[in-house]
C-alpha atoms as a PDB file:
ATOM      1  CA  MET A   1     -30.525  12.393  -5.465  1.00  0.00           C
ATOM      2  CA  SER A   2     -29.303   8.943  -4.447  1.00  0.00           C
ATOM      3  CA  PHE A   3     -26.856   6.927  -6.482  1.00  0.00           C
ATOM      4  CA  MET A   4     -28.577   4.777  -9.096  1.00  0.00           C
ATOM      5  CA  ARG A   5     -27.504   1.168  -9.075  1.00  0.00           C
ATOM      6  CA  GLU A   6     -27.311   0.951 -12.849  1.00  0.00           C
ATOM      7  CA  GLN A   7     -24.744   3.764 -12.969  1.00  0.00           C
ATOM      8  CA  LYS A   8     -21.264   2.518 -13.837  1.00  0.00           C
ATOM      9  CA  PRO A   9     -19.039   2.297 -10.754  1.00  0.00           C
ATOM     10  CA  ASP A  10     -16.221   4.771 -11.368  1.00  0.00           C
ATOM     11  CA  LEU A  11     -14.599   7.846  -9.861  1.00  0.00           C
ATOM     12  CA  SER A  12     -17.355  10.189 -11.034  1.00  0.00           C
ATOM     13  CA  ALA A  13     -19.959   8.014  -9.338  1.00  0.00           C
ATOM     14  CA  ALA A  14     -17.850   7.836  -6.165  1.00  0.00           C
ATOM     15  CA  TYR A  15     -17.484  11.619  -6.001  1.00  0.00           C
ATOM     16  CA  SER A  16     -21.273  11.968  -6.401  1.00  0.00           C
ATOM     17  CA  LEU A  17     -22.246   9.854  -3.392  1.00  0.00           C
ATOM     18  CA  THR A  18     -24.560  11.501  -0.884  1.00  0.00           C
ATOM     19  CA  THR A  19     -25.655   8.830   1.625  1.00  0.00           C
ATOM     20  CA  PRO A  20     -24.177   5.777   3.379  1.00  0.00           C
ATOM     21  CA  GLU A  21     -26.636   3.595   1.457  1.00  0.00           C
ATOM     22  CA  ASP A  22     -25.318   5.015  -1.816  1.00  0.00           C
ATOM     23  CA  SER A  23     -21.790   4.099  -0.761  1.00  0.00           C
ATOM     24  CA  LYS A  24     -22.736   0.529   0.055  1.00  0.00           C
ATOM     25  CA  ARG A  25     -24.469   0.077  -3.289  1.00  0.00           C
ATOM     26  CA  LEU A  26     -21.643   1.571  -5.318  1.00  0.00           C
ATOM     27  CA  TYR A  27     -18.903  -0.442  -3.652  1.00  0.00           C
ATOM     28  CA  ALA A  28     -20.906  -3.659  -3.753  1.00  0.00           C
ATOM     29  CA  ASP A  29     -20.826  -3.317  -7.538  1.00  0.00           C
ATOM     30  CA  TRP A  30     -17.185  -2.220  -7.663  1.00  0.00           C
ATOM     31  CA  ALA A  31     -15.448  -4.361  -5.038  1.00  0.00           C
ATOM     32  CA  ASP A  32     -14.303  -7.304  -7.145  1.00  0.00           C
ATOM     33  CA  THR A  33     -12.810  -5.132  -9.917  1.00  0.00           C
ATOM     34  CA  TYR A  34     -11.685  -2.080  -7.912  1.00  0.00           C
ATOM     35  CA  ASP A  35      -7.992  -2.936  -7.641  1.00  0.00           C
ATOM     36  CA  GLN A  36      -7.620  -3.266 -11.411  1.00  0.00           C
ATOM     37  CA  SER A  37     -10.332  -1.050 -12.920  1.00  0.00           C
ATOM     38  CA  PHE A  38      -9.558   1.893 -10.662  1.00  0.00           C
ATOM     39  CA  ALA A  39      -6.259   1.604  -8.804  1.00  0.00           C
ATOM     40  CA  ALA A  40      -4.075   0.018 -11.459  1.00  0.00           C
ATOM     41  CA  ASP A  41      -5.711   1.486 -14.553  1.00  0.00           C
ATOM     42  CA  SER A  42      -5.755   5.053 -13.205  1.00  0.00           C
ATOM     43  CA  ARG A  43      -2.172   4.875 -11.858  1.00  0.00           C
ATOM     44  CA  TYR A  44      -3.402   5.538  -8.337  1.00  0.00           C
ATOM     45  CA  GLN A  45      -0.638   5.987  -5.769  1.00  0.00           C
ATOM     46  CA  LEU A  46      -2.204   7.749  -2.783  1.00  0.00           C
ATOM     47  CA  HIS A  47      -2.386   4.566  -0.704  1.00  0.00           C
ATOM     48  CA  LEU A  48       1.362   4.057  -1.124  1.00  0.00           C
ATOM     49  CA  LEU A  49       2.239   7.631  -0.199  1.00  0.00           C
ATOM     50  CA  THR A  50      -0.068   7.642   2.837  1.00  0.00           C
ATOM     51  CA  ALA A  51       1.321   4.394   4.246  1.00  0.00           C
ATOM     52  CA  ARG A  52       4.895   5.555   3.700  1.00  0.00           C
ATOM     53  CA  ALA A  53       4.201   8.907   5.355  1.00  0.00           C
ATOM     54  CA  PHE A  54       2.806   7.115   8.403  1.00  0.00           C
ATOM     55  CA  VAL A  55       5.841   4.867   8.796  1.00  0.00           C
ATOM     56  CA  GLN A  56       8.333   7.658   8.090  1.00  0.00           C
ATOM     57  CA  ALA A  57       6.654   9.743  10.799  1.00  0.00           C
ATOM     58  CA  GLY A  58       7.334   6.939  13.270  1.00  0.00           C
ATOM     59  CA  GLY A  59       3.869   5.376  13.231  1.00  0.00           C
ATOM     60  CA  ARG A  60       3.457   2.126  15.130  1.00  0.00           C
ATOM     61  CA  GLY A  61       0.799  -0.470  15.699  1.00  0.00           C
ATOM     62  CA  PRO A  62      -1.685  -1.618  16.427  1.00  0.00           C
ATOM     63  CA  VAL A  63      -2.910   0.348  13.414  1.00  0.00           C
ATOM     64  CA  LEU A  64      -6.454   1.121  12.318  1.00  0.00           C
ATOM     65  CA  ASP A  65      -6.836   1.364   8.525  1.00  0.00           C
ATOM     66  CA  ALA A  66      -9.927   3.585   8.370  1.00  0.00           C
ATOM     67  CA  GLY A  67     -11.947   3.319   5.172  1.00  0.00           C
ATOM     68  CA  ALA A  68      -9.719   0.420   4.190  1.00  0.00           C
ATOM     69  CA  GLY A  69     -11.654  -0.545   1.071  1.00  0.00           C
ATOM     70  CA  THR A  70     -10.022  -3.539  -0.597  1.00  0.00           C
ATOM     71  CA  GLY A  71      -6.889  -3.194   1.537  1.00  0.00           C
ATOM     72  CA  LEU A  72      -4.550  -1.357  -0.829  1.00  0.00           C
ATOM     73  CA  CYS A  73      -3.103   0.851   1.899  1.00  0.00           C
ATOM     74  CA  GLY A  74      -2.966  -2.079   4.296  1.00  0.00           C
ATOM     75  CA  VAL A  75      -0.804  -4.058   1.890  1.00  0.00           C
ATOM     76  CA  GLU A  76       1.772  -1.273   1.872  1.00  0.00           C
ATOM     77  CA  LEU A  77       1.591  -0.855   5.648  1.00  0.00           C
ATOM     78  CA  ALA A  78       2.235  -4.569   6.092  1.00  0.00           C
ATOM     79  CA  ALA A  79       5.115  -4.490   3.611  1.00  0.00           C
ATOM     80  CA  LEU A  80       6.677  -1.668   5.624  1.00  0.00           C
ATOM     81  CA  GLY A  81       6.395  -3.644   8.851  1.00  0.00           C
ATOM     82  CA  ALA A  82       3.544  -1.724  10.465  1.00  0.00           C
ATOM     83  CA  GLY A  83       1.130  -3.838  12.445  1.00  0.00           C
ATOM     84  CA  PRO A  84      -0.901  -5.514  13.595  1.00  0.00           C
ATOM     85  CA  ILE A  85      -3.481  -3.841  11.363  1.00  0.00           C
ATOM     86  CA  ASP A  86      -7.270  -3.767  11.659  1.00  0.00           C
ATOM     87  CA  ALA A  87      -9.484  -2.606   8.797  1.00  0.00           C
ATOM     88  CA  THR A  88     -12.752  -0.726   8.985  1.00  0.00           C
ATOM     89  CA  ASP A  89     -15.055   0.214   6.126  1.00  0.00           C
ATOM     90  CA  ILE A  90     -18.727   0.877   5.487  1.00  0.00           C
ATOM     91  CA  SER A  91     -18.811  -1.695   2.672  1.00  0.00           C
ATOM     92  CA  PRO A  92     -18.885  -5.397   3.569  1.00  0.00           C
ATOM     93  CA  ASP A  93     -18.084  -6.244  -0.044  1.00  0.00           C
ATOM     94  CA  MET A  94     -14.886  -4.174   0.004  1.00  0.00           C
ATOM     95  CA  LEU A  95     -13.900  -5.696   3.347  1.00  0.00           C
ATOM     96  CA  ALA A  96     -14.397  -9.170   1.887  1.00  0.00           C
ATOM     97  CA  GLU A  97     -11.828  -8.301  -0.778  1.00  0.00           C
ATOM     98  CA  ALA A  98      -9.503  -6.889   1.881  1.00  0.00           C
ATOM     99  CA  LEU A  99      -9.702 -10.108   3.885  1.00  0.00           C
ATOM    100  CA  ARG A 100      -8.466 -12.080   0.888  1.00  0.00           C
ATOM    101  CA  LYS A 101      -5.163 -10.211   1.082  1.00  0.00           C
ATOM    102  CA  ASP A 102      -4.472 -11.904   4.441  1.00  0.00           C
ATOM    103  CA  ILE A 103      -2.877  -8.854   6.068  1.00  0.00           C
ATOM    104  CA  TYR A 104      -5.488  -7.776   8.628  1.00  0.00           C
ATOM    105  CA  ARG A 105      -5.869  -8.961  12.194  1.00  0.00           C
ATOM    106  CA  ASP A 106      -9.546  -8.045  12.154  1.00  0.00           C
ATOM    107  CA  VAL A 107     -12.098  -6.245   9.984  1.00  0.00           C
ATOM    108  CA  ILE A 108     -14.849  -3.984  11.313  1.00  0.00           C
ATOM    109  CA  GLU A 109     -17.871  -3.056   9.223  1.00  0.00           C
ATOM    110  CA  ALA A 110     -18.836   0.424  10.405  1.00  0.00           C
ATOM    111  CA  ASP A 111     -19.850   3.895   9.321  1.00  0.00           C
ATOM    112  CA  LEU A 112     -17.217   6.318  10.646  1.00  0.00           C
ATOM    113  CA  LEU A 113     -19.880   8.983  11.044  1.00  0.00           C
ATOM    114  CA  ALA A 114     -21.743   6.727  13.468  1.00  0.00           C
ATOM    115  CA  GLY A 115     -18.630   5.815  15.456  1.00  0.00           C
ATOM    116  CA  LEU A 116     -16.603   2.623  15.771  1.00  0.00           C
ATOM    117  CA  PRO A 117     -17.568  -0.354  17.954  1.00  0.00           C
ATOM    118  CA  VAL A 118     -14.166  -0.707  19.612  1.00  0.00           C
ATOM    119  CA  PRO A 119     -12.942   0.420  23.036  1.00  0.00           C
ATOM    120  CA  PRO A 120     -11.385   3.877  23.408  1.00  0.00           C
ATOM    121  CA  GLY A 121      -7.610   3.938  23.091  1.00  0.00           C
ATOM    122  CA  SER A 122      -7.391   0.718  21.082  1.00  0.00           C
ATOM    123  CA  TYR A 123      -4.862   1.885  18.484  1.00  0.00           C
ATOM    124  CA  GLY A 124      -1.330   3.248  18.456  1.00  0.00           C
ATOM    125  CA  GLY A 125      -1.790   4.594  14.941  1.00  0.00           C
ATOM    126  CA  VAL A 126      -4.586   5.524  12.541  1.00  0.00           C
ATOM    127  CA  VAL A 127      -4.185   5.613   8.757  1.00  0.00           C
ATOM    128  CA  SER A 128      -6.739   6.515   6.106  1.00  0.00           C
ATOM    129  CA  SER A 129      -6.231   6.734   2.358  1.00  0.00           C
ATOM    130  CA  GLY A 130      -8.935   7.823  -0.065  1.00  0.00           C
ATOM    131  CA  THR A 131     -11.757   8.072   2.464  1.00  0.00           C
ATOM    132  CA  PHE A 132     -11.637  11.783   3.279  1.00  0.00           C
ATOM    133  CA  THR A 133     -12.622  12.806  -0.218  1.00  0.00           C
ATOM    134  CA  CYS A 134     -15.470  14.271  -2.240  1.00  0.00           C
ATOM    135  CA  GLY A 135     -18.720  12.359  -1.725  1.00  0.00           C
ATOM    136  CA  HIS A 136     -17.348  10.379   1.190  1.00  0.00           C
ATOM    137  CA  VAL A 137     -16.270  11.431   4.678  1.00  0.00           C
ATOM    138  CA  GLY A 138     -15.747  14.946   6.032  1.00  0.00           C
ATOM    139  CA  PRO A 139     -14.109  16.362   9.173  1.00  0.00           C
ATOM    140  CA  GLU A 140     -17.052  15.283  11.304  1.00  0.00           C
ATOM    141  CA  ALA A 141     -15.477  11.793  11.425  1.00  0.00           C
ATOM    142  CA  LEU A 142     -12.291  12.986  13.132  1.00  0.00           C
ATOM    143  CA  PRO A 143     -13.614  12.695  16.715  1.00  0.00           C
ATOM    144  CA  ALA A 144     -14.546   9.036  16.187  1.00  0.00           C
ATOM    145  CA  LEU A 145     -11.003   8.253  15.061  1.00  0.00           C
ATOM    146  CA  LEU A 146      -9.464  10.217  17.907  1.00  0.00           C
ATOM    147  CA  ARG A 147     -11.618   8.314  20.401  1.00  0.00           C
ATOM    148  CA  VAL A 148     -10.179   4.932  19.424  1.00  0.00           C
ATOM    149  CA  ALA A 149      -6.564   6.185  19.379  1.00  0.00           C
ATOM    150  CA  ARG A 150      -4.184   6.138  22.317  1.00  0.00           C
ATOM    151  CA  PRO A 151      -2.525   9.317  23.594  1.00  0.00           C
ATOM    152  CA  GLY A 152       0.473   9.950  21.370  1.00  0.00           C
ATOM    153  CA  ALA A 153      -0.930   7.889  18.490  1.00  0.00           C
ATOM    154  CA  GLN A 154       0.357   8.838  15.053  1.00  0.00           C
ATOM    155  CA  PHE A 155      -2.241   9.736  12.416  1.00  0.00           C
ATOM    156  CA  ALA A 156      -1.795   9.834   8.632  1.00  0.00           C
ATOM    157  CA  LEU A 157      -5.026  10.810   6.884  1.00  0.00           C
ATOM    158  CA  SER A 158      -5.102  11.619   3.182  1.00  0.00           C
ATOM    159  CA  ILE A 159      -7.589  14.380   2.353  1.00  0.00           C
ATOM    160  CA  ASN A 160      -8.479  15.357  -1.194  1.00  0.00           C
ATOM    161  CA  ALA A 161      -7.179  18.923  -1.572  1.00  0.00           C
ATOM    162  CA  ARG A 162     -10.421  20.238  -3.047  1.00  0.00           C
ATOM    163  CA  HIS A 163     -12.413  18.558  -0.250  1.00  0.00           C
ATOM    164  CA  TYR A 164     -10.032  20.001   2.379  1.00  0.00           C
ATOM    165  CA  LYS A 165     -10.437  23.587   1.258  1.00  0.00           C
ATOM    166  CA  ARG A 166     -14.186  23.424   0.652  1.00  0.00           C
ATOM    167  CA  ASP A 167     -15.632  21.305   3.431  1.00  0.00           C
ATOM    168  CA  GLY A 168     -14.395  22.562   6.768  1.00  0.00           C
ATOM    169  CA  PHE A 169     -11.115  20.790   7.482  1.00  0.00           C
ATOM    170  CA  VAL A 170      -9.228  24.037   8.114  1.00  0.00           C
ATOM    171  CA  GLU A 171     -11.662  24.999  10.861  1.00  0.00           C
ATOM    172  CA  ALA A 172     -11.838  21.448  12.244  1.00  0.00           C
ATOM    173  CA  PHE A 173      -8.081  21.109  12.644  1.00  0.00           C
ATOM    174  CA  ASP A 174      -7.886  24.582  14.141  1.00  0.00           C
ATOM    175  CA  ARG A 175     -10.441  23.581  16.786  1.00  0.00           C
ATOM    176  CA  LEU A 176      -8.574  20.347  17.553  1.00  0.00           C
ATOM    177  CA  LEU A 177      -5.275  22.186  17.912  1.00  0.00           C
ATOM    178  CA  ARG A 178      -6.741  24.952  20.081  1.00  0.00           C
ATOM    179  CA  GLY A 179      -8.520  22.369  22.211  1.00  0.00           C
ATOM    180  CA  GLN A 180      -5.260  20.441  22.601  1.00  0.00           C
ATOM    181  CA  TRP A 181      -6.756  17.266  21.149  1.00  0.00           C
ATOM    182  CA  ILE A 182      -3.945  16.965  18.608  1.00  0.00           C
ATOM    183  CA  ARG A 183      -0.383  18.247  18.181  1.00  0.00           C
ATOM    184  CA  LYS A 184       2.387  18.473  15.590  1.00  0.00           C
ATOM    185  CA  LEU A 185       0.068  18.883  12.601  1.00  0.00           C
ATOM    186  CA  SER A 186       1.722  18.953   9.174  1.00  0.00           C
ATOM    187  CA  LEU A 187       0.017  18.809   5.784  1.00  0.00           C
ATOM    188  CA  PRO A 188       2.334  17.712   2.952  1.00  0.00           C
ATOM    189  CA  GLU A 189       0.649  17.854  -0.450  1.00  0.00           C
ATOM    190  CA  VAL A 190       1.062  14.911  -2.838  1.00  0.00           C
ATOM    191  CA  ARG A 191      -0.176  13.815  -6.240  1.00  0.00           C
ATOM    192  CA  ILE A 192      -2.990  11.269  -6.055  1.00  0.00           C
ATOM    193  CA  TYR A 193      -1.943   9.665  -9.367  1.00  0.00           C
ATOM    194  CA  THR A 194       1.472   9.078 -10.903  1.00  0.00           C
ATOM    195  CA  GLY A 195       2.827  11.182 -13.744  1.00  0.00           C
ATOM    196  CA  GLU A 196       1.684   8.498 -16.189  1.00  0.00           C
ATOM    197  CA  ALA A 197      -1.993   9.093 -15.364  1.00  0.00           C
ATOM    198  CA  THR A 198      -4.438  10.480 -17.904  1.00  0.00           C
ATOM    199  CA  GLY A 199      -7.975  11.833 -17.690  1.00  0.00           C
ATOM    200  CA  ASP A 200      -9.811  14.603 -15.919  1.00  0.00           C
ATOM    201  CA  HIS A 201      -8.366  13.869 -12.470  1.00  0.00           C
ATOM    202  CA  LYS A 202      -4.752  13.136 -13.400  1.00  0.00           C
ATOM    203  CA  ASP A 203      -3.452  16.280 -11.681  1.00  0.00           C
ATOM    204  CA  ASP A 204      -5.540  15.972  -8.514  1.00  0.00           C
ATOM    205  CA  THR A 205      -3.691  16.318  -5.227  1.00  0.00           C
ATOM    206  CA  ALA A 206      -4.257  15.398  -1.607  1.00  0.00           C
ATOM    207  CA  LEU A 207      -2.984  16.639   1.723  1.00  0.00           C
ATOM    208  CA  ILE A 208      -1.697  13.998   4.114  1.00  0.00           C
ATOM    209  CA  ALA A 209      -2.641  15.190   7.589  1.00  0.00           C
ATOM    210  CA  LEU A 210       0.119  13.992   9.899  1.00  0.00           C
ATOM    211  CA  PHE A 211      -0.415  14.598  13.609  1.00  0.00           C
ATOM    212  CA  HIS A 212      -0.355  13.001  17.046  1.00  0.00           C
ATOM    213  CA  LYS A 213      -3.249  12.590  19.400  1.00  0.00           C
ATOM    214  CA  ALA A 214      -2.388  14.730  22.408  1.00  0.00           C
END
């Protein structure tokens, strides 16, 4: 069943998404309050940890922030000196909020599952925080991101731990490693929310997939 527009935009609604159209509707309603009503109020920290992991792994620009949303991860990337940074997201409303932060070189409205309208090998690094999660994007989007990355590009992709175990990421990364598409894969596990968080998801974790394009 598709997302109903009158449903309150929140994490439960986000995890229940089933189609790209559902995503666009949800985030159109949520975009202008997302940073406060979700990120700040829930004590969300995954964007910070993902950006830091990328830079600590030696990630360099130009960087693609995949599923950038309102630009929370991009802000941290910019603060850490990574750049230039481009943002891509399925939601034009979220990208409009991201543009207001004045940190992106360019924004690209696109569905990762349909591919990205940029030349192959455009980016020296690819970062994604909060996009590979329940109701959103699965491992089938990995080839599109690899296509736009240069050989040797550093990746840092956060993947909800429940989503990782249930939806085929183990097999997908195994295929990429065996096919020599990627190398040096590591999967540190982190808390999505700080220790001050409350609610049903306060103890949720994510794996940050760190690897290089071969």
